[in-house]
Amino acid sequence: MAKHFGKVGMVVCFLAAVVVMGACSSSSDDDGTVILSSRSYSGHATDEDANNFVTVYPDALGTRLDDCKTCHRAGVAGTDTETIYNVCDYCHLLEFPDDRLETGVPETFEDTLNVYGLAYADEGRDRHALTRIQAADTDGDGYTNEAEIRELRYPGDADSRPDQPLAPTVAFPLVDIEAMPFHEQFMLMVTTKQQFDDYVTYGGITVADLLAAAGVDLNGAEGITVFAPDGFGKDFSMAEIEQQFPNGIFYRTPSFDDPDKELVNYPDPLPASYQDGDEIDGILRLMLAYTRDGVLLDTAYYDGESGRLTGEGPFRLVIPQAVPSRPDRGKSYGPYHDGWDYDPDIDHNAGSCVRGACVIRVNPMPDGYEEFDWKNGWSLIEEGRVVIYGHGVAAGR
């Protein structure tokens, strides 16, 4: 995974703020054995701030607190893009600004910290700083930082408290999902901004079968929200989970003399001898895919230069078109007035297909529980796991 990050792997959230502070903090005042973080964002496992934390709190090693979120906050809801950034992507905006954003973005290193991270920095940013703030209640939820950390609750988040149980979860690694009933579907993926749409065969498991395997009680369920590792999420109704989608139509575009006019990627060979206008065979369902044209999906990663998630896997939530249509060009291509230009009335289903799907919340979220950490799923991507929680998910599974 780390090899994908390029420059991003050199940028740290709080855990080695080289870009904005010049260097990691030193812990020369403490000669104790250093424990290395095991779950820090890729490239940051040896950063000194993360290792200070797990050295002072060795029981936190490998847990949910062994992560950037302990000291960092995510982006702010209600920016001009209505985006909630996860803690790592939000910090990376310092190094890789996104020109699409005008408000709610960090301008300084301190802007990326939560109240616990700020307290740690103010006290000297070393191991002794962590012990000096143990008795404080930095997030004002009625519990000291030490009490919260011992119970694996976030000391910088007032919504994370020892008196509130964590939502029960069911986690499946890829090997377990591969052993479940296999579903495969040939379908059209229609994009909005990209030049090319795709005819592609996805393989995996239907969402209905996945929820059944997890033992989810769907009585009273309203649907699901599927999250990517950067916190991006999409909602899907129970009708979309249960229904069989209408069969698509195969369209064969003409040969164009200008490559900028091309708009469809076709697999070679096609899975069947389809001709222009043929109805596509097979059953189309909402599914969690892990193969594309018979090959495991590429692992998703954060591309710092574009500021976007790249890659599809190890899992992608795939939804077919609700209304079958022709492919079309992306918004910025053309118009060429040849019948293949962008059409806003077409179901551009690719935008609703969640790349790097790693967390599924069954809605509504039951009262009285702390939500699973859906804002930061990079460790799940690296581990090749998907986590299910929420309504109807029983404890102890």
Protein backbone atom coordinates (compact mmCIF):
# COMPACT_ATOMS: atom_id res chain seq x y z
CA MET A 1 0.00 0.00 0.00
CA ALA A 2 2.69 2.48 0.97
CA LYS A 3 4.25 2.31 -2.46
CA HIS A 4 1.18 3.95 -3.95
CA PHE A 5 1.39 7.13 -1.95
CA GLY A 6 4.38 8.82 -3.54
CA LYS A 7 4.68 12.33 -2.17
CA VAL A 8 1.71 11.78 0.09
CA GLY A 9 3.63 9.15 2.00
CA MET A 10 6.12 11.88 2.89
CA VAL A 11 3.43 14.18 4.24
CA VAL A 12 2.24 13.59 7.74
CA CYS A 13 -0.92 14.51 9.49
CA PHE A 14 -0.02 15.40 13.06
CA LEU A 15 2.38 12.54 13.16
CA ALA A 16 5.34 14.11 11.37
CA ALA A 17 4.41 17.57 10.27
CA VAL A 18 7.50 18.06 8.16
CA VAL A 19 5.82 20.34 5.68
CA VAL A 20 4.56 22.92 8.11
CA MET A 21 6.77 22.57 11.17
CA GLY A 22 10.09 21.54 9.69
CA ALA A 23 10.66 18.30 11.61
CA CYS A 24 9.12 15.79 13.97
CA SER A 25 9.32 16.51 17.66
CA SER A 26 12.10 15.04 19.70
CA SER A 27 11.69 12.91 22.79
CA SER A 28 15.30 13.21 23.97
CA ASP A 29 14.01 13.75 27.50
CA ASP A 30 12.91 10.12 27.67
CA ASP A 31 15.32 7.22 27.18
CA GLY A 32 12.68 4.50 27.40
CA THR A 33 12.06 1.85 24.78
CA VAL A 34 10.17 3.18 21.79
CA ILE A 35 7.14 1.24 20.56
CA LEU A 36 6.31 1.73 16.89
CA SER A 37 2.80 2.53 15.80
CA SER A 38 1.09 -0.25 13.85
CA ARG A 39 -1.98 1.50 12.46
CA SER A 40 -0.86 4.99 11.53
CA TYR A 41 -1.73 6.23 8.08
CA SER A 42 0.56 4.69 5.44
CA GLY A 43 4.08 6.05 5.65
CA HIS A 44 3.70 7.30 9.22
CA ALA A 45 4.30 4.18 11.32
CA THR A 46 7.70 5.50 12.44
CA ASP A 47 6.61 9.08 13.10
CA GLU A 48 7.64 10.20 16.54
CA ASP A 49 4.35 11.64 17.74
CA ALA A 50 2.49 8.40 17.02
CA ASN A 51 5.21 6.42 18.71
CA ASN A 52 5.18 8.73 21.73
CA PHE A 53 1.51 7.88 22.18
CA VAL A 54 1.80 4.10 21.97
CA THR A 55 4.92 4.17 24.15
CA VAL A 56 3.08 6.02 26.93
CA TYR A 57 -0.06 3.94 26.31
CA PRO A 58 1.20 0.53 25.11
CA ASP A 59 -2.26 -1.03 25.48
CA ALA A 60 -3.42 1.31 22.70
CA LEU A 61 -1.02 -0.26 20.17
CA GLY A 62 -2.99 -1.64 17.23
CA THR A 63 -6.30 -0.30 18.51
CA ARG A 64 -8.59 2.41 17.15
CA LEU A 65 -6.56 5.03 19.08
CA ASP A 66 -3.34 4.04 17.29
CA ASP A 67 -4.34 6.34 14.46
CA CYS A 68 -4.18 9.95 13.30
CA LYS A 69 -7.71 10.59 14.55
CA THR A 70 -6.57 10.63 18.19
CA CYS A 71 -4.89 14.02 17.68
CA HIS A 72 -6.44 15.24 14.43
CA ARG A 73 -9.89 16.31 13.43
CA ALA A 74 -11.67 15.76 10.15
CA GLY A 75 -12.85 18.53 7.87
CA VAL A 76 -15.87 20.64 8.59
CA ALA A 77 -19.32 19.73 7.31
CA GLY A 78 -20.96 22.48 5.31
CA THR A 79 -18.06 23.60 3.14
CA ASP A 80 -18.91 24.75 -0.35
CA THR A 81 -18.65 21.15 -1.53
CA GLU A 82 -20.58 19.71 1.46
CA THR A 83 -17.62 17.43 2.01
CA ILE A 84 -16.54 15.93 5.32
CA TYR A 85 -12.85 15.10 4.93
CA ASN A 86 -11.32 12.33 6.93
CA VAL A 87 -8.50 13.27 9.27
CA CYS A 88 -5.69 12.34 6.89
CA ASP A 89 -7.10 13.91 3.72
CA TYR A 90 -7.92 17.06 5.67
CA CYS A 91 -4.33 17.42 6.89
CA HIS A 92 -2.99 16.71 3.40
CA LEU A 93 -4.80 19.79 2.11
CA LEU A 94 -1.90 21.77 3.59
CA GLU A 95 0.49 20.16 1.12
CA PHE A 96 -1.96 19.51 -1.70
CA PRO A 97 -4.56 22.32 -1.75
CA ASP A 98 -7.83 21.69 -3.56
CA ASP A 99 -8.77 24.70 -5.68
CA ARG A 100 -12.39 23.53 -5.68
CA LEU A 101 -12.68 24.40 -1.98
CA GLU A 102 -13.10 27.95 -0.75
CA THR A 103 -14.12 27.54 2.89
CA GLY A 104 -13.59 25.12 5.74
CA VAL A 105 -10.03 24.16 4.76
CA PRO A 106 -6.96 24.26 7.04
CA GLU A 107 -4.49 27.10 6.70
CA THR A 108 -2.06 26.12 9.46
CA PHE A 109 -0.88 22.93 11.11
CA GLU A 110 -2.83 23.80 14.25
CA ASP A 111 -6.03 23.98 12.20
CA THR A 112 -5.82 20.22 11.65
CA LEU A 113 -5.68 19.33 15.36
CA ASN A 114 -8.50 18.48 17.71
CA VAL A 115 -8.50 19.75 21.30
CA TYR A 116 -6.41 16.82 22.53
CA GLY A 117 -3.82 17.32 19.80
CA LEU A 118 -3.65 21.02 20.61
CA ALA A 119 -3.12 20.27 24.30
CA TYR A 120 -0.33 17.81 23.46
CA ALA A 121 1.37 20.38 21.23
CA ASP A 122 1.01 23.15 23.82
CA GLU A 123 2.62 20.99 26.51
CA GLY A 124 5.74 20.32 24.47
CA ARG A 125 4.85 17.55 22.03
CA ASP A 126 6.81 14.75 23.69
CA ARG A 127 6.04 11.75 25.88
CA HIS A 128 5.98 13.84 29.04
CA ALA A 129 3.41 16.13 27.41
CA LEU A 130 1.08 13.15 27.20
CA THR A 131 1.45 12.39 30.89
CA ARG A 132 1.03 16.06 31.82
CA ILE A 133 -2.40 16.17 30.16
CA GLN A 134 -3.63 12.83 31.49
CA ALA A 135 -5.76 14.37 34.23
CA ALA A 136 -7.29 17.00 31.95
CA ASP A 137 -10.65 16.62 30.21
CA THR A 138 -9.71 18.26 26.94
CA ASP A 139 -12.98 17.50 25.12
CA GLY A 140 -15.20 18.47 28.07
CA ASP A 141 -17.25 15.27 28.16
CA GLY A 142 -16.79 14.63 31.89
CA TYR A 143 -13.97 12.08 31.63
CA THR A 144 -10.25 12.62 31.95
CA ASN A 145 -8.02 11.96 28.97
CA GLU A 146 -6.43 9.01 30.74
CA ALA A 147 -9.82 7.45 31.58
CA GLU A 148 -10.95 7.77 27.97
CA ILE A 149 -7.73 6.33 26.56
CA ARG A 150 -7.87 3.35 28.92
CA GLU A 151 -11.36 2.60 27.59
CA LEU A 152 -10.27 3.20 23.96
CA ARG A 153 -12.34 6.35 23.58
CA TYR A 154 -11.10 9.47 21.82
CA PRO A 155 -9.93 12.14 24.27
CA GLY A 156 -10.42 14.83 21.63
CA ASP A 157 -14.01 13.97 20.73
CA ALA A 158 -16.86 14.79 23.12
CA ASP A 159 -19.09 12.25 21.37
CA SER A 160 -16.70 9.45 22.34
CA ARG A 161 -17.16 8.54 26.02
CA PRO A 162 -16.56 5.48 28.23
CA ASP A 163 -20.23 5.42 29.27
CA GLN A 164 -21.35 4.94 25.67
CA PRO A 165 -20.74 1.47 24.18
CA LEU A 166 -19.18 1.08 20.77
CA ALA A 167 -21.54 -0.03 18.05
CA PRO A 168 -21.33 -3.81 17.46
CA THR A 169 -19.57 -4.70 14.23
CA VAL A 170 -19.08 -7.64 11.90
CA ALA A 171 -15.87 -7.64 9.88
CA PHE A 172 -15.13 -9.79 6.84
CA PRO A 173 -11.71 -10.15 5.21
CA LEU A 174 -11.56 -10.76 1.47
CA VAL A 175 -10.87 -14.48 1.93
CA ASP A 176 -14.15 -14.90 3.82
CA ILE A 177 -16.15 -12.97 1.22
CA GLU A 178 -14.59 -15.03 -1.56
CA ALA A 179 -16.10 -18.11 0.12
CA MET A 180 -19.62 -16.63 -0.03
CA PRO A 181 -22.05 -17.06 -2.97
CA PHE A 182 -20.38 -15.54 -6.02
CA HIS A 183 -22.33 -13.13 -8.20
CA GLU A 184 -21.15 -11.77 -11.55
CA GLN A 185 -22.74 -9.18 -13.82
CA PHE A 186 -21.86 -7.56 -17.15
CA MET A 187 -23.02 -3.94 -17.09
CA LEU A 188 -22.55 -0.40 -18.31
CA MET A 189 -20.84 2.12 -16.03
CA VAL A 190 -21.80 5.65 -17.12
CA THR A 191 -19.57 8.43 -15.81
CA THR A 192 -20.33 12.13 -15.54
CA LYS A 193 -16.93 13.83 -15.89
CA GLN A 194 -14.65 11.24 -17.43
CA GLN A 195 -14.26 10.83 -21.17
CA PHE A 196 -14.99 7.11 -21.17
CA ASP A 197 -17.87 4.97 -19.99
CA ASP A 198 -17.18 1.27 -19.48
CA TYR A 199 -18.79 -2.04 -20.27
CA VAL A 200 -17.40 -4.22 -17.52
CA THR A 201 -17.96 -7.50 -15.71
CA TYR A 202 -17.92 -7.18 -11.93
CA GLY A 203 -17.71 -10.20 -9.65
CA GLY A 204 -18.39 -10.39 -5.93
CA ILE A 205 -21.37 -10.80 -3.64
CA THR A 206 -24.78 -9.17 -3.67
CA VAL A 207 -25.34 -6.77 -0.78
CA ALA A 208 -28.40 -8.80 0.25
CA ASP A 209 -26.27 -11.95 0.57
CA LEU A 210 -23.54 -10.05 2.42
CA LEU A 211 -25.97 -8.69 5.02
CA ALA A 212 -27.46 -12.16 5.43
CA ALA A 213 -23.99 -13.63 5.99
CA ALA A 214 -23.40 -10.97 8.65
CA GLY A 215 -26.60 -12.02 10.41
CA VAL A 216 -28.13 -8.56 10.14
CA ASP A 217 -31.76 -8.35 11.24
CA LEU A 218 -33.28 -6.14 8.55
CA ASN A 219 -36.66 -5.80 10.24
CA GLY A 220 -37.16 -2.04 10.45
CA ALA A 221 -34.04 -1.24 8.43
CA GLU A 222 -34.24 1.77 6.11
CA GLY A 223 -31.20 1.09 3.97
CA ILE A 224 -27.43 1.36 4.16
CA THR A 225 -24.68 3.95 3.87
CA VAL A 226 -21.47 2.72 2.25
CA PHE A 227 -18.25 4.57 3.08
CA ALA A 228 -14.93 4.83 1.27
CA PRO A 229 -11.67 5.13 3.27
CA ASP A 230 -11.65 8.93 2.91
CA GLY A 231 -15.09 9.21 4.52
CA PHE A 232 -17.04 9.61 1.28
CA GLY A 233 -20.39 7.88 1.62
CA LYS A 234 -23.44 6.96 -0.44
CA ASP A 235 -26.91 5.96 0.74
CA PHE A 236 -28.84 3.02 -0.71
CA SER A 237 -32.44 2.11 0.06
CA MET A 238 -33.80 -1.29 1.03
CA ALA A 239 -35.55 -1.40 -2.35
CA GLU A 240 -32.17 -1.04 -4.09
CA ILE A 241 -30.73 -3.81 -1.91
CA GLU A 242 -33.59 -6.22 -2.60
CA GLN A 243 -34.49 -5.51 -6.22
CA GLN A 244 -33.30 -6.97 -9.47
CA PHE A 245 -32.36 -4.10 -11.76
CA PRO A 246 -33.58 -4.00 -15.37
CA ASN A 247 -31.31 -5.54 -17.98
CA GLY A 248 -29.07 -3.11 -19.78
CA ILE A 249 -28.69 -2.61 -23.51
CA PHE A 250 -25.45 -3.11 -25.39
CA TYR A 251 -24.46 -0.16 -27.57
CA ARG A 252 -21.66 -0.33 -30.10
CA THR A 253 -20.41 3.18 -30.84
CA PRO A 254 -19.15 4.04 -34.34
CA SER A 255 -15.51 4.51 -35.22
CA PHE A 256 -14.52 8.15 -34.80
CA ASP A 257 -11.83 9.95 -36.79
CA ASP A 258 -11.00 12.09 -33.74
CA PRO A 259 -9.84 10.22 -30.59
CA ASP A 260 -11.36 12.97 -28.42
CA LYS A 261 -14.77 11.81 -29.63
CA GLU A 262 -14.31 8.26 -28.34
CA LEU A 263 -16.49 7.53 -25.33
CA VAL A 264 -16.62 3.80 -24.47
CA ASN A 265 -14.12 1.25 -23.23
CA TYR A 266 -15.07 -2.29 -24.28
CA PRO A 267 -13.55 -5.44 -22.77
CA ASP A 268 -11.58 -7.63 -25.14
CA PRO A 269 -12.98 -10.15 -25.60
CA LEU A 270 -16.61 -9.37 -24.84
CA PRO A 271 -18.17 -11.88 -22.44
CA ALA A 272 -20.73 -12.74 -25.16
CA SER A 273 -21.31 -12.04 -28.84
CA TYR A 274 -23.34 -8.91 -28.27
CA GLN A 275 -24.46 -6.81 -31.21
CA ASP A 276 -25.58 -3.20 -31.16
CA GLY A 277 -28.98 -2.95 -29.48
CA ASP A 278 -28.93 -6.39 -27.83
CA GLU A 279 -30.34 -6.79 -24.33
CA ILE A 280 -27.61 -7.85 -21.91
CA ASP A 281 -28.18 -11.23 -20.27
CA GLY A 282 -27.89 -11.91 -16.56
CA ILE A 283 -29.16 -10.63 -13.24
CA LEU A 284 -28.19 -7.14 -12.13
CA ARG A 285 -28.07 -6.46 -8.38
CA LEU A 286 -26.58 -4.01 -5.90
CA MET A 287 -23.31 -5.75 -5.13
CA LEU A 288 -19.99 -5.56 -3.36
CA ALA A 289 -17.49 -6.35 -6.09
CA TYR A 290 -13.93 -7.56 -5.67
CA THR A 291 -13.11 -8.54 -9.27
CA ARG A 292 -13.27 -6.63 -12.53
CA ASP A 293 -13.20 -8.65 -15.74
CA GLY A 294 -11.95 -11.62 -13.74
CA VAL A 295 -9.07 -9.81 -11.98
CA LEU A 296 -8.95 -8.64 -8.35
CA LEU A 297 -9.63 -4.92 -8.05
CA ASP A 298 -6.68 -2.58 -7.72
CA THR A 299 -6.26 -1.29 -4.17
CA ALA A 300 -7.61 2.21 -3.64
CA TYR A 301 -5.21 4.92 -2.49
CA TYR A 302 -5.15 8.66 -1.95
CA ASP A 303 -3.56 10.55 -4.86
CA GLY A 304 -2.11 13.70 -3.35
CA GLU A 305 -1.57 15.47 -6.64
CA SER A 306 -5.22 15.22 -7.63
CA GLY A 307 -6.56 15.21 -4.08
CA ARG A 308 -8.78 12.26 -4.93
CA LEU A 309 -9.12 8.59 -4.19
CA THR A 310 -7.71 6.45 -6.99
CA GLY A 311 -8.25 2.76 -7.62
CA GLU A 312 -11.31 0.62 -6.94
CA GLY A 313 -10.57 -2.03 -4.37
CA PRO A 314 -10.21 -4.26 -2.63
CA PHE A 315 -14.00 -3.77 -2.65
CA ARG A 316 -16.27 -1.53 -4.71
CA LEU A 317 -19.97 -1.02 -4.10
CA VAL A 318 -21.57 -1.30 -7.55
CA ILE A 319 -25.07 -0.22 -8.54
CA PRO A 320 -26.51 -0.80 -12.04
CA GLN A 321 -28.51 1.81 -13.93
CA ALA A 322 -32.07 2.10 -12.64
CA VAL A 323 -33.11 3.17 -16.15
CA PRO A 324 -31.02 1.51 -18.88
CA SER A 325 -29.56 4.00 -21.34
CA ARG A 326 -26.90 4.59 -23.91
CA PRO A 327 -23.38 5.65 -22.93
CA ASP A 328 -22.49 9.34 -23.30
CA ARG A 329 -19.46 11.60 -23.23
CA GLY A 330 -18.31 13.38 -20.11
CA LYS A 331 -19.54 16.88 -19.41
CA SER A 332 -16.39 18.60 -20.67
CA TYR A 333 -16.09 16.61 -23.93
CA GLY A 334 -17.81 18.08 -26.97
CA PRO A 335 -20.48 18.81 -27.82
CA TYR A 336 -20.10 17.17 -31.20
CA HIS A 337 -23.84 16.95 -31.97
CA ASP A 338 -23.60 13.36 -33.16
CA GLY A 339 -26.02 11.73 -30.73
CA TRP A 340 -23.39 10.69 -28.16
CA ASP A 341 -22.90 13.94 -26.23
CA TYR A 342 -23.47 14.29 -22.49
CA ASP A 343 -27.11 13.92 -21.49
CA PRO A 344 -28.05 15.01 -17.93
CA ASP A 345 -31.15 12.80 -18.01
CA ILE A 346 -29.10 9.59 -18.28
CA ASP A 347 -28.52 7.59 -15.08
CA HIS A 348 -24.80 8.20 -14.52
CA ASN A 349 -24.50 5.27 -12.15
CA ALA A 350 -20.69 5.24 -11.91
CA GLY A 351 -20.80 8.24 -9.57
CA SER A 352 -22.84 6.23 -7.07
CA CYS A 353 -20.50 3.24 -7.13
CA VAL A 354 -18.28 3.58 -4.05
CA ARG A 355 -14.62 2.87 -4.78
CA GLY A 356 -12.64 1.44 -1.89
CA ALA A 357 -15.83 0.52 -0.03
CA CYS A 358 -14.74 -0.52 3.46
CA VAL A 359 -17.56 0.33 5.90
CA ILE A 360 -21.29 -0.37 5.64
CA ARG A 361 -23.69 1.20 8.12
CA VAL A 362 -27.19 -0.27 8.30
CA ASN A 363 -29.62 2.58 8.93
CA PRO A 364 -30.99 3.86 11.21
CA MET A 365 -28.10 3.90 13.63
CA PRO A 366 -29.39 2.57 16.99
CA ASP A 367 -29.47 5.06 19.86
CA GLY A 368 -26.98 4.90 22.69
CA TYR A 369 -23.96 3.66 20.72
CA GLU A 370 -20.82 5.36 19.50
CA GLU A 371 -20.53 4.98 15.74
CA PHE A 372 -17.80 2.98 14.10
CA ASP A 373 -14.89 5.14 12.87
CA TRP A 374 -16.14 5.45 9.29
CA LYS A 375 -14.31 8.72 8.62
CA ASN A 376 -10.94 7.02 8.38
CA GLY A 377 -10.88 3.59 6.77
CA TRP A 378 -7.35 3.39 5.39
CA SER A 379 -6.33 0.63 7.79
CA LEU A 380 -9.28 -1.44 6.51
CA ILE A 381 -8.10 -0.92 2.92
CA GLU A 382 -4.62 -2.12 3.85
CA GLU A 383 -6.04 -5.12 5.70
CA GLY A 384 -8.52 -5.94 2.92
CA ARG A 385 -11.55 -5.93 5.23
CA VAL A 386 -15.08 -4.57 5.16
CA VAL A 387 -16.90 -3.69 8.40
CA ILE A 388 -20.69 -3.78 8.88
CA TYR A 389 -22.43 -2.06 11.80
CA GLY A 390 -25.64 -0.30 12.75
CA HIS A 391 -29.27 -1.38 12.82
CA GLY A 392 -29.79 -5.11 13.36
CA VAL A 393 -26.11 -5.92 13.87
CA ALA A 394 -25.86 -8.05 16.99
CA ALA A 395 -23.11 -7.82 19.56
CA GLY A 396 -20.73 -10.72 19.88
CA ARG A 397 -20.73 -11.87 16.25
